[in-house]
C-alpha atoms as a PDB file:
ATOM      1  CA  MET A   1      59.438 144.125  68.273  1.00  0.00           C
ATOM      2  CA  ILE A   2      61.107 141.225  69.965  1.00  0.00           C
ATOM      3  CA  LYS A   3      61.155 139.329  66.719  1.00  0.00           C
ATOM      4  CA  PHE A   4      62.721 142.327  64.970  1.00  0.00           C
ATOM      5  CA  LEU A   5      65.462 142.618  67.617  1.00  0.00           C
ATOM      6  CA  SER A   6      66.179 138.959  67.470  1.00  0.00           C
ATOM      7  CA  GLN A   7      66.665 139.099  63.629  1.00  0.00           C
ATOM      8  CA  LEU A   8      68.772 142.183  63.994  1.00  0.00           C
ATOM      9  CA  LEU A   9      71.029 140.398  66.587  1.00  0.00           C
ATOM     10  CA  ASP A  10      71.278 137.358  64.246  1.00  0.00           C
ATOM     11  CA  LEU A  11      72.357 139.691  61.455  1.00  0.00           C
ATOM     12  CA  ILE A  12      74.987 141.514  63.627  1.00  0.00           C
ATOM     13  CA  TYR A  13      76.403 138.301  65.177  1.00  0.00           C
ATOM     14  CA  LYS A  14      76.061 136.040  62.246  1.00  0.00           C
ATOM     15  CA  LYS A  15      78.722 133.365  62.190  1.00  0.00           C
ATOM     16  CA  ARG A  16      81.294 133.414  59.439  1.00  0.00           C
ATOM     17  CA  CYS A  17      83.233 130.372  58.118  1.00  0.00           C
ATOM     18  CA  TYR A  18      86.554 130.375  59.921  1.00  0.00           C
ATOM     19  CA  VAL A  19      88.386 129.240  56.737  1.00  0.00           C
ATOM     20  CA  CYS A  20      86.851 131.477  53.957  1.00  0.00           C
ATOM     21  CA  GLY A  21      84.944 134.170  55.960  1.00  0.00           C
ATOM     22  CA  CYS A  22      81.725 133.441  54.176  1.00  0.00           C
ATOM     23  CA  SER A  23      78.571 134.152  56.398  1.00  0.00           C
ATOM     24  CA  GLY A  24      76.048 132.615  53.986  1.00  0.00           C
ATOM     25  CA  GLU A  25      75.539 129.489  56.070  1.00  0.00           C
ATOM     26  CA  ASN A  26      75.889 131.062  59.449  1.00  0.00           C
ATOM     27  CA  THR A  27      78.359 128.424  60.611  1.00  0.00           C
ATOM     28  CA  LYS A  28      82.075 128.218  61.776  1.00  0.00           C
ATOM     29  CA  LEU A  29      82.813 125.931  58.749  1.00  0.00           C
ATOM     30  CA  CYS A  30      80.811 126.173  55.556  1.00  0.00           C
ATOM     31  CA  SER A  31      79.983 123.211  53.467  1.00  0.00           C
ATOM     32  CA  LYS A  32      82.158 124.300  50.654  1.00  0.00           C
ATOM     33  CA  CYS A  33      85.243 124.449  52.743  1.00  0.00           C
ATOM     34  CA  PHE A  34      84.325 121.229  54.503  1.00  0.00           C
ATOM     35  CA  LYS A  35      84.184 119.438  51.079  1.00  0.00           C
ATOM     36  CA  LYS A  36      87.517 120.947  50.040  1.00  0.00           C
ATOM     37  CA  ILE A  37      89.389 118.981  52.664  1.00  0.00           C
ATOM     38  CA  ARG A  38      91.540 116.271  51.078  1.00  0.00           C
ATOM     39  CA  ARG A  39      90.477 113.006  52.691  1.00  0.00           C
ATOM     40  CA  LEU A  40      92.731 109.860  52.632  1.00  0.00           C
ATOM     41  CA  PRO A  41      91.741 106.409  51.451  1.00  0.00           C
ATOM     42  CA  VAL A  42      90.150 104.316  54.260  1.00  0.00           C
ATOM     43  CA  LYS A  43      93.043 101.989  55.195  1.00  0.00           C
ATOM     44  CA  ILE A  44      95.930 101.757  57.614  1.00  0.00           C
ATOM     45  CA  LEU A  45      98.415 104.594  57.152  1.00  0.00           C
ATOM     46  CA  LYS A  46     101.314 102.932  59.033  1.00  0.00           C
ATOM     47  CA  HIS A  47     102.193 100.844  62.054  1.00  0.00           C
ATOM     48  CA  ILE A  48     104.006 102.289  65.191  1.00  0.00           C
ATOM     49  CA  ASP A  49     105.449  99.539  67.244  1.00  0.00           C
ATOM     50  CA  GLY A  50     102.966  97.122  65.842  1.00  0.00           C
ATOM     51  CA  VAL A  51      99.985  99.441  66.418  1.00  0.00           C
ATOM     52  CA  ALA A  52      97.836 100.435  63.437  1.00  0.00           C
ATOM     53  CA  VAL A  53      97.638 104.112  62.676  1.00  0.00           C
ATOM     54  CA  TYR A  54      94.641 105.613  60.766  1.00  0.00           C
ATOM     55  CA  CYS A  55      94.436 109.109  59.424  1.00  0.00           C
ATOM     56  CA  SER A  56      91.441 110.936  57.843  1.00  0.00           C
ATOM     57  CA  ALA A  57      92.970 113.859  56.051  1.00  0.00           C
ATOM     58  CA  ILE A  58      96.150 115.527  54.657  1.00  0.00           C
ATOM     59  CA  TYR A  59      97.539 118.287  56.824  1.00  0.00           C
ATOM     60  CA  GLU A  60      97.096 121.359  54.460  1.00  0.00           C
ATOM     61  CA  LYS A  61      95.070 124.379  53.808  1.00  0.00           C
ATOM     62  CA  GLU A  62      91.455 124.008  55.385  1.00  0.00           C
ATOM     63  CA  ILE A  63      92.344 121.287  57.845  1.00  0.00           C
ATOM     64  CA  GLN A  64      95.517 123.133  58.858  1.00  0.00           C
ATOM     65  CA  LYS A  65      93.481 126.346  59.563  1.00  0.00           C
ATOM     66  CA  ILE A  66      90.820 124.360  61.608  1.00  0.00           C
ATOM     67  CA  ILE A  67      93.403 122.655  63.733  1.00  0.00           C
ATOM     68  CA  ARG A  68      95.320 125.831  64.394  1.00  0.00           C
ATOM     69  CA  GLY A  69      92.122 127.660  65.115  1.00  0.00           C
ATOM     70  CA  ILE A  70      91.127 125.263  67.869  1.00  0.00           C
ATOM     71  CA  LYS A  71      94.695 124.812  69.206  1.00  0.00           C
ATOM     72  CA  TYR A  72      95.889 128.415  69.359  1.00  0.00           C
ATOM     73  CA  HIS A  73      93.050 130.832  68.758  1.00  0.00           C
ATOM     74  CA  ASN A  74      90.263 129.704  70.997  1.00  0.00           C
ATOM     75  CA  GLN A  75      88.028 128.575  68.159  1.00  0.00           C
ATOM     76  CA  THR A  76      86.492 125.875  70.198  1.00  0.00           C
ATOM     77  CA  GLU A  77      83.419 125.496  68.116  1.00  0.00           C
ATOM     78  CA  LEU A  78      85.592 124.011  65.333  1.00  0.00           C
ATOM     79  CA  ALA A  79      86.183 120.914  67.518  1.00  0.00           C
ATOM     80  CA  PHE A  80      82.873 119.523  66.225  1.00  0.00           C
ATOM     81  CA  PHE A  81      83.978 119.913  62.554  1.00  0.00           C
ATOM     82  CA  GLN A  82      87.347 118.289  63.286  1.00  0.00           C
ATOM     83  CA  ALA A  83      85.534 115.372  65.010  1.00  0.00           C
ATOM     84  CA  LYS A  84      83.134 115.159  62.069  1.00  0.00           C
ATOM     85  CA  ILE A  85      85.879 114.840  59.575  1.00  0.00           C
ATOM     86  CA  MET A  86      87.359 111.993  61.664  1.00  0.00           C
ATOM     87  CA  TYR A  87      83.993 110.326  62.069  1.00  0.00           C
ATOM     88  CA  ASP A  88      83.193 110.354  58.401  1.00  0.00           C
ATOM     89  CA  TYR A  89      86.406 108.474  57.798  1.00  0.00           C
ATOM     90  CA  TRP A  90      86.206 106.129  60.947  1.00  0.00           C
ATOM     91  CA  LYS A  91      82.602 104.894  60.349  1.00  0.00           C
ATOM     92  CA  GLN A  92      83.819 103.268  57.054  1.00  0.00           C
ATOM     93  CA  LEU A  93      86.172 100.947  58.839  1.00  0.00           C
ATOM     94  CA  ASN A  94      85.090  97.530  59.946  1.00  0.00           C
ATOM     95  CA  ILE A  95      86.764  98.031  63.325  1.00  0.00           C
ATOM     96  CA  SER A  96      84.506 101.011  64.094  1.00  0.00           C
ATOM     97  CA  GLN A  97      81.810  98.403  65.055  1.00  0.00           C
ATOM     98  CA  ASP A  98      83.890  97.506  68.090  1.00  0.00           C
ATOM     99  CA  THR A  99      83.658  99.423  71.449  1.00  0.00           C
ATOM    100  CA  TYR A 100      86.503 101.782  72.391  1.00  0.00           C
ATOM    101  CA  SER A 101      87.548 104.120  75.042  1.00  0.00           C
ATOM    102  CA  ILE A 102      88.892 107.370  73.478  1.00  0.00           C
ATOM    103  CA  VAL A 103      92.185 108.638  74.816  1.00  0.00           C
ATOM    104  CA  PRO A 104      93.138 112.130  73.714  1.00  0.00           C
ATOM    105  CA  VAL A 105      96.802 113.055  73.805  1.00  0.00           C
ATOM    106  CA  PRO A 106      97.255 114.831  77.113  1.00  0.00           C
ATOM    107  CA  LEU A 107      98.729 118.167  77.719  1.00  0.00           C
ATOM    108  CA  PHE A 108     101.089 119.033  80.585  1.00  0.00           C
ATOM    109  CA  ASP A 109      98.971 120.619  83.414  1.00  0.00           C
ATOM    110  CA  LYS A 110     100.755 123.922  83.327  1.00  0.00           C
ATOM    111  CA  ARG A 111     100.173 124.304  79.491  1.00  0.00           C
ATOM    112  CA  GLN A 112      96.583 123.197  79.777  1.00  0.00           C
ATOM    113  CA  LYS A 113      95.902 125.806  82.535  1.00  0.00           C
ATOM    114  CA  LYS A 114      97.511 128.522  80.238  1.00  0.00           C
ATOM    115  CA  ARG A 115      95.405 127.460  77.244  1.00  0.00           C
ATOM    116  CA  LYS A 116      92.328 126.865  79.441  1.00  0.00           C
ATOM    117  CA  TYR A 117      91.601 123.597  77.708  1.00  0.00           C
ATOM    118  CA  ASN A 118      93.040 120.617  75.882  1.00  0.00           C
ATOM    119  CA  HIS A 119      91.971 120.873  72.277  1.00  0.00           C
ATOM    120  CA  MET A 120      92.073 117.144  71.732  1.00  0.00           C
ATOM    121  CA  GLU A 121      89.767 116.637  74.793  1.00  0.00           C
ATOM    122  CA  LEU A 122      87.240 118.901  73.014  1.00  0.00           C
ATOM    123  CA  VAL A 123      87.563 116.934  69.767  1.00  0.00           C
ATOM    124  CA  ALA A 124      87.269 113.701  71.869  1.00  0.00           C
ATOM    125  CA  GLN A 125      83.969 114.923  73.408  1.00  0.00           C
ATOM    126  CA  GLU A 126      82.538 115.622  69.972  1.00  0.00           C
ATOM    127  CA  PHE A 127      83.781 112.352  68.596  1.00  0.00           C
ATOM    128  CA  SER A 128      82.283 110.547  71.560  1.00  0.00           C
ATOM    129  CA  LYS A 129      78.916 112.038  70.727  1.00  0.00           C
ATOM    130  CA  LEU A 130      79.057 110.820  67.217  1.00  0.00           C
ATOM    131  CA  THR A 131      80.404 107.219  68.008  1.00  0.00           C
ATOM    132  CA  GLY A 132      79.013 106.477  71.340  1.00  0.00           C
ATOM    133  CA  TYR A 133      82.432 105.630  72.701  1.00  0.00           C
ATOM    134  CA  SER A 134      83.454 106.542  76.224  1.00  0.00           C
ATOM    135  CA  ILE A 135      86.423 108.951  76.948  1.00  0.00           C
ATOM    136  CA  ASN A 136      89.297 108.243  79.333  1.00  0.00           C
ATOM    137  CA  THR A 137      91.381 111.280  80.256  1.00  0.00           C
ATOM    138  CA  GLU A 138      92.843 109.763  83.355  1.00  0.00           C
ATOM    139  CA  ILE A 139      94.535 106.601  82.086  1.00  0.00           C
ATOM    140  CA  ILE A 140      97.607 108.528  80.836  1.00  0.00           C
ATOM    141  CA  LYS A 141      99.086 111.861  82.004  1.00  0.00           C
ATOM    142  CA  ARG A 142     101.847 114.088  80.502  1.00  0.00           C
ATOM    143  CA  ILE A 143     104.259 114.488  83.362  1.00  0.00           C
ATOM    144  CA  LYS A 144     106.990 116.277  81.456  1.00  0.00           C
ATOM    145  CA  ASP A 145     106.778 119.942  80.253  1.00  0.00           C
ATOM    146  CA  THR A 146     108.079 119.214  76.734  1.00  0.00           C
ATOM    147  CA  LYS A 147     109.059 121.844  74.260  1.00  0.00           C
ATOM    148  CA  PRO A 148     106.849 122.550  71.199  1.00  0.00           C
ATOM    149  CA  GLN A 149     107.559 119.718  68.806  1.00  0.00           C
ATOM    150  CA  TYR A 150     107.368 121.712  65.456  1.00  0.00           C
ATOM    151  CA  LYS A 151     110.751 123.376  66.162  1.00  0.00           C
ATOM    152  CA  LEU A 152     112.559 120.065  66.665  1.00  0.00           C
ATOM    153  CA  THR A 153     114.188 117.421  64.497  1.00  0.00           C
ATOM    154  CA  LYS A 154     113.035 113.837  64.746  1.00  0.00           C
ATOM    155  CA  LYS A 155     115.987 113.024  67.015  1.00  0.00           C
ATOM    156  CA  GLN A 156     115.255 115.963  69.189  1.00  0.00           C
ATOM    157  CA  ARG A 157     111.523 115.069  69.353  1.00  0.00           C
ATOM    158  CA  LYS A 158     112.350 111.590  70.636  1.00  0.00           C
ATOM    159  CA  LYS A 159     114.570 113.012  73.335  1.00  0.00           C
ATOM    160  CA  ASN A 160     112.133 115.704  74.140  1.00  0.00           C
ATOM    161  CA  LEU A 161     109.302 113.156  74.714  1.00  0.00           C
ATOM    162  CA  HIS A 162     111.369 110.480  76.519  1.00  0.00           C
ATOM    163  CA  ASN A 163     109.468 109.478  79.705  1.00  0.00           C
ATOM    164  CA  ALA A 164     106.917 112.266  79.017  1.00  0.00           C
ATOM    165  CA  PHE A 165     103.886 110.100  79.980  1.00  0.00           C
ATOM    166  CA  GLU A 166     102.744 108.246  82.965  1.00  0.00           C
ATOM    167  CA  TYR A 167     100.248 105.402  82.840  1.00  0.00           C
ATOM    168  CA  SER A 168      97.538 104.853  85.614  1.00  0.00           C
ATOM    169  CA  GLU A 169      96.442 101.247  86.003  1.00  0.00           C
ATOM    170  CA  HIS A 170      93.563 102.242  88.281  1.00  0.00           C
ATOM    171  CA  HIS A 171      91.914 103.891  85.296  1.00  0.00           C
ATOM    172  CA  TYR A 172      91.961 100.894  82.965  1.00  0.00           C
ATOM    173  CA  ASN A 173      89.479  98.115  82.810  1.00  0.00           C
ATOM    174  CA  GLY A 174      90.658  96.029  79.937  1.00  0.00           C
ATOM    175  CA  GLU A 175      88.807  97.918  77.212  1.00  0.00           C
ATOM    176  CA  LYS A 176      90.175  98.733  73.658  1.00  0.00           C
ATOM    177  CA  LEU A 177      91.872 102.104  73.579  1.00  0.00           C
ATOM    178  CA  LEU A 178      91.641 104.518  70.693  1.00  0.00           C
ATOM    179  CA  LEU A 179      94.487 107.039  70.916  1.00  0.00           C
ATOM    180  CA  ILE A 180      93.638 110.289  69.046  1.00  0.00           C
ATOM    181  CA  ASP A 181      95.704 113.326  68.053  1.00  0.00           C
ATOM    182  CA  ASP A 182      95.415 116.218  65.554  1.00  0.00           C
ATOM    183  CA  ILE A 183      98.626 115.805  63.422  1.00  0.00           C
ATOM    184  CA  LEU A 184     101.084 112.983  62.742  1.00  0.00           C
ATOM    185  CA  THR A 185     104.451 114.219  61.606  1.00  0.00           C
ATOM    186  CA  THR A 186     107.287 112.081  62.784  1.00  0.00           C
ATOM    187  CA  GLY A 187     105.084 109.934  65.002  1.00  0.00           C
ATOM    188  CA  SER A 188     107.209 110.643  68.101  1.00  0.00           C
ATOM    189  CA  THR A 189     104.293 111.623  70.412  1.00  0.00           C
ATOM    190  CA  MET A 190     102.369 108.434  69.573  1.00  0.00           C
ATOM    191  CA  GLU A 191     105.446 106.301  69.712  1.00  0.00           C
ATOM    192  CA  GLU A 192     106.122 107.437  73.314  1.00  0.00           C
ATOM    193  CA  MET A 193     102.469 107.028  74.292  1.00  0.00           C
ATOM    194  CA  ILE A 194     102.331 103.532  72.779  1.00  0.00           C
ATOM    195  CA  LYS A 195     105.577 102.569  74.536  1.00  0.00           C
ATOM    196  CA  THR A 196     104.200 103.792  77.878  1.00  0.00           C
ATOM    197  CA  PHE A 197     101.110 101.706  77.504  1.00  0.00           C
ATOM    198  CA  GLN A 198     102.976  98.524  76.130  1.00  0.00           C
ATOM    199  CA  ASN A 199     105.474  98.725  78.993  1.00  0.00           C
ATOM    200  CA  ALA A 200     102.517  98.524  81.367  1.00  0.00           C
ATOM    201  CA  GLY A 201     101.071  95.485  79.570  1.00  0.00           C
ATOM    202  CA  VAL A 202      98.312  97.233  77.701  1.00  0.00           C
ATOM    203  CA  LYS A 203      98.379  95.919  74.117  1.00  0.00           C
ATOM    204  CA  ASP A 204      94.866  96.493  72.688  1.00  0.00           C
ATOM    205  CA  LEU A 205      95.634  99.917  71.070  1.00  0.00           C
ATOM    206  CA  THR A 206      94.637 101.728  67.890  1.00  0.00           C
ATOM    207  CA  VAL A 207      95.826 105.154  66.793  1.00  0.00           C
ATOM    208  CA  PHE A 208      93.594 107.612  64.931  1.00  0.00           C
ATOM    209  CA  VAL A 209      94.803 111.170  63.880  1.00  0.00           C
ATOM    210  CA  THR A 210      92.907 113.897  62.050  1.00  0.00           C
ATOM    211  CA  SER A 211      95.595 114.637  59.634  1.00  0.00           C
ATOM    212  CA  CYS A 212      99.203 113.874  58.644  1.00  0.00           C
ATOM    213  CA  THR A 213     101.987 115.297  56.502  1.00  0.00           C
ATOM    214  CA  GLU A 214     102.639 114.369  52.875  1.00  0.00           C
ATOM    215  CA  PHE A 215     105.823 112.475  54.136  1.00  0.00           C
ATOM    216  CA  ASN A 216     103.562 109.946  55.993  1.00  0.00           C
ATOM    217  CA  ILE A 217     101.367 109.463  52.975  1.00  0.00           C
ATOM    218  CA  LYS A 218     104.377 108.677  50.725  1.00  0.00           C
ATOM    219  CA  ASN A 219     105.551 106.213  53.304  1.00  0.00           C
ATOM    220  CA  ARG A 220     102.156 104.510  53.856  1.00  0.00           C
ATOM    221  CA  SER A 221     102.118 101.029  55.026  1.00  0.00           C
ATOM    222  CA  GLU A 222     101.287  98.440  52.325  1.00  0.00           C
ATOM    223  CA  THR A 223      99.687  96.057  54.867  1.00  0.00           C
END
């Protein structure tokens, strides 16, 4: 009887793929949709103020839905899949053999309380499990309640993010920092974070984003 009830509950609450709705694999992201994600070649995408930027996928279709699901629709289970996409790319880089401290882009406290979590901290946790890297969420804070970036032009984004972050020297021990985010569009957020670190004398930085727009791919660095 217990076995029957367990099987019945599994049938009723079977997980569906968030992207295509298929329940055949009982998972939040089926293998078919995972394979459809357009990966990028394993090399530097660009440099921001001398810092190398790596990107694992193109921001479209499946990856777009995954990121939006975690970010806006409480689909926190998808954080593992976002981290896995990043890890599959990252482990192919020679620099992945080094030891890093993962620094997810911080949210302003008020926004994080409203959302109940920082989506990139969830991804960082999953990425940490896969890589063995530590996570540092105290080294930099967002101290300015910025407007949503997607509504702004590049010039407006830079102004919006000016002095948005604050560095905490008490939470840095000289380790290499891996700054992670979900999407690279104009690069304004990472540019401001990098500037904050560099102004404080922290130079050992690498940027790794889950996805980027077609514009960034067309303007990929040749070095």
